[in-house]
Amino acid sequence: MRRDEWQRALRVANQAFGIAPGAFWRMSLSEWRALVSSESGTQAPTRTELERMMAGWEEAQR
């Protein structure tokens, strides 16, 4: 998943659902998929994409 794609996912989580960034990163993949499944035009990341997003988040926190 490209940087702009995970930024879009985070933006959707925050703006549409009121989820803070820290809470977003603590969500499981199943929770995220359930949350966005009814959102038109929003696709949940694959496990590989999520792992890349998580690695990027951990790097940013250092």
N, C-alpha and C. Protein backbone atom coordinates (compact mmCIF):
# COMPACT_ATOMS: atom_id res chain seq x y z
N MET A 1 0.85 -1.17 0.00
CA MET A 1 0.00 0.00 0.00
C MET A 1 0.89 1.23 0.00
N ARG A 2 0.59 2.14 -0.88
CA ARG A 2 1.39 3.37 -0.96
C ARG A 2 1.03 4.31 0.20
N ARG A 3 1.95 5.21 0.48
CA ARG A 3 1.76 6.15 1.59
C ARG A 3 0.45 6.91 1.48
N ASP A 4 0.10 7.36 0.27
CA ASP A 4 -1.15 8.11 0.11
C ASP A 4 -2.37 7.24 0.39
N GLU A 5 -2.27 5.95 0.15
CA GLU A 5 -3.39 5.05 0.42
C GLU A 5 -3.63 4.85 1.91
N TRP A 6 -2.53 4.68 2.69
CA TRP A 6 -2.75 4.51 4.12
C TRP A 6 -3.15 5.84 4.76
N GLN A 7 -2.69 6.95 4.18
CA GLN A 7 -3.14 8.25 4.69
C GLN A 7 -4.64 8.42 4.45
N ARG A 8 -5.12 7.95 3.30
CA ARG A 8 -6.55 8.01 3.01
C ARG A 8 -7.32 7.14 4.00
N ALA A 9 -6.81 5.95 4.30
CA ALA A 9 -7.47 5.07 5.25
C ALA A 9 -7.54 5.71 6.63
N LEU A 10 -6.46 6.32 7.05
CA LEU A 10 -6.42 6.99 8.34
C LEU A 10 -7.39 8.18 8.35
N ARG A 11 -7.43 8.93 7.26
CA ARG A 11 -8.33 10.07 7.15
C ARG A 11 -9.80 9.61 7.24
N VAL A 12 -10.14 8.52 6.55
CA VAL A 12 -11.49 7.97 6.61
C VAL A 12 -11.82 7.58 8.04
N ALA A 13 -10.90 6.89 8.70
CA ALA A 13 -11.12 6.46 10.07
C ALA A 13 -11.38 7.65 10.98
N ASN A 14 -10.62 8.71 10.79
CA ASN A 14 -10.74 9.88 11.65
C ASN A 14 -11.96 10.71 11.31
N GLN A 15 -12.12 11.06 10.04
CA GLN A 15 -13.20 11.97 9.65
C GLN A 15 -14.57 11.30 9.63
N ALA A 16 -14.65 10.11 9.12
CA ALA A 16 -15.95 9.44 9.00
C ALA A 16 -16.38 8.77 10.30
N PHE A 17 -15.41 8.28 11.07
CA PHE A 17 -15.75 7.49 12.24
C PHE A 17 -15.25 8.09 13.55
N GLY A 18 -14.47 9.16 13.48
CA GLY A 18 -13.97 9.80 14.70
C GLY A 18 -12.92 8.99 15.44
N ILE A 19 -12.19 8.16 14.71
CA ILE A 19 -11.17 7.31 15.33
C ILE A 19 -9.83 8.04 15.31
N ALA A 20 -9.23 8.21 16.47
CA ALA A 20 -7.93 8.87 16.58
C ALA A 20 -6.85 7.98 15.96
N PRO A 21 -5.74 8.58 15.50
CA PRO A 21 -4.67 7.79 14.87
C PRO A 21 -4.17 6.62 15.72
N GLY A 22 -3.96 6.84 17.00
CA GLY A 22 -3.48 5.77 17.85
C GLY A 22 -4.45 4.60 17.92
N ALA A 23 -5.74 4.92 17.99
CA ALA A 23 -6.77 3.88 18.02
C ALA A 23 -6.84 3.15 16.68
N PHE A 24 -6.65 3.91 15.60
CA PHE A 24 -6.63 3.30 14.26
C PHE A 24 -5.56 2.22 14.18
N TRP A 25 -4.37 2.52 14.68
CA TRP A 25 -3.27 1.57 14.58
C TRP A 25 -3.42 0.39 15.53
N ARG A 26 -4.24 0.52 16.56
CA ARG A 26 -4.48 -0.59 17.47
C ARG A 26 -5.58 -1.53 16.97
N MET A 27 -6.32 -1.10 15.95
CA MET A 27 -7.40 -1.93 15.42
C MET A 27 -6.83 -3.17 14.73
N SER A 28 -7.58 -4.26 14.83
CA SER A 28 -7.19 -5.45 14.08
C SER A 28 -7.66 -5.29 12.63
N LEU A 29 -7.09 -6.09 11.77
CA LEU A 29 -7.50 -6.06 10.37
C LEU A 29 -8.99 -6.41 10.24
N SER A 30 -9.46 -7.35 11.03
CA SER A 30 -10.88 -7.72 11.01
C SER A 30 -11.76 -6.55 11.43
N GLU A 31 -11.33 -5.82 12.45
CA GLU A 31 -12.10 -4.65 12.90
C GLU A 31 -12.16 -3.59 11.81
N TRP A 32 -11.04 -3.33 11.16
CA TRP A 32 -11.00 -2.32 10.10
C TRP A 32 -11.89 -2.74 8.93
N ARG A 33 -11.80 -4.00 8.53
CA ARG A 33 -12.62 -4.48 7.42
C ARG A 33 -14.11 -4.37 7.75
N ALA A 34 -14.48 -4.70 8.97
CA ALA A 34 -15.88 -4.59 9.37
C ALA A 34 -16.34 -3.13 9.36
N LEU A 35 -15.46 -2.25 9.77
CA LEU A 35 -15.78 -0.83 9.82
C LEU A 35 -16.01 -0.25 8.44
N VAL A 36 -15.19 -0.60 7.49
CA VAL A 36 -15.27 0.02 6.16
C VAL A 36 -16.08 -0.79 5.15
N SER A 37 -16.56 -1.95 5.52
CA SER A 37 -17.23 -2.80 4.56
C SER A 37 -18.44 -2.13 3.93
N SER A 38 -19.12 -1.26 4.64
CA SER A 38 -20.30 -0.61 4.08
C SER A 38 -19.98 0.76 3.48
N GLU A 39 -18.74 1.22 3.61
CA GLU A 39 -18.34 2.51 3.04
C GLU A 39 -18.13 2.38 1.54
N SER A 40 -18.88 3.09 0.77
CA SER A 40 -18.70 3.01 -0.68
C SER A 40 -17.39 3.66 -1.08
N GLY A 41 -16.67 2.98 -1.94
CA GLY A 41 -15.41 3.51 -2.43
C GLY A 41 -14.23 3.32 -1.50
N THR A 42 -14.43 2.72 -0.35
CA THR A 42 -13.35 2.52 0.60
C THR A 42 -13.05 1.03 0.68
N GLN A 43 -11.82 0.67 0.47
CA GLN A 43 -11.43 -0.73 0.55
C GLN A 43 -10.48 -0.92 1.73
N ALA A 44 -10.70 -1.97 2.45
CA ALA A 44 -9.80 -2.30 3.55
C ALA A 44 -8.48 -2.79 2.98
N PRO A 45 -7.38 -2.50 3.67
CA PRO A 45 -6.08 -2.98 3.19
C PRO A 45 -5.95 -4.49 3.36
N THR A 46 -5.13 -5.08 2.53
CA THR A 46 -4.81 -6.50 2.70
C THR A 46 -3.88 -6.63 3.90
N ARG A 47 -3.64 -7.83 4.33
CA ARG A 47 -2.73 -8.06 5.46
C ARG A 47 -1.34 -7.50 5.15
N THR A 48 -0.85 -7.75 3.94
CA THR A 48 0.47 -7.25 3.54
C THR A 48 0.50 -5.73 3.57
N GLU A 49 -0.53 -5.09 3.06
CA GLU A 49 -0.61 -3.63 3.08
C GLU A 49 -0.65 -3.11 4.50
N LEU A 50 -1.43 -3.77 5.34
CA LEU A 50 -1.52 -3.35 6.74
C LEU A 50 -0.17 -3.49 7.45
N GLU A 51 0.53 -4.57 7.18
CA GLU A 51 1.85 -4.76 7.80
C GLU A 51 2.81 -3.65 7.36
N ARG A 52 2.75 -3.26 6.08
CA ARG A 52 3.58 -2.15 5.61
C ARG A 52 3.20 -0.85 6.30
N MET A 53 1.90 -0.63 6.46
CA MET A 53 1.42 0.58 7.14
C MET A 53 1.91 0.61 8.58
N MET A 54 1.81 -0.54 9.26
CA MET A 54 2.24 -0.63 10.65
C MET A 54 3.73 -0.36 10.78
N ALA A 55 4.52 -0.89 9.86
CA ALA A 55 5.97 -0.67 9.90
C ALA A 55 6.27 0.82 9.73
N GLY A 56 5.57 1.47 8.84
CA GLY A 56 5.76 2.90 8.63
C GLY A 56 5.36 3.71 9.85
N TRP A 57 4.29 3.30 10.52
CA TRP A 57 3.84 3.99 11.73
C TRP A 57 4.88 3.85 12.84
N GLU A 58 5.41 2.64 13.00
CA GLU A 58 6.41 2.41 14.03
C GLU A 58 7.66 3.24 13.76
N GLU A 59 8.06 3.36 12.50
CA GLU A 59 9.21 4.18 12.15
C GLU A 59 8.95 5.64 12.51
N ALA A 60 7.75 6.12 12.23
CA ALA A 60 7.41 7.51 12.49
C ALA A 60 7.39 7.82 13.99
N GLN A 61 7.15 6.81 14.81
CA GLN A 61 7.07 7.02 16.26
C GLN A 61 8.43 7.05 16.94
N ARG A 62 9.47 6.68 16.22
CA ARG A 62 10.84 6.66 16.80
C ARG A 62 11.44 8.02 16.82
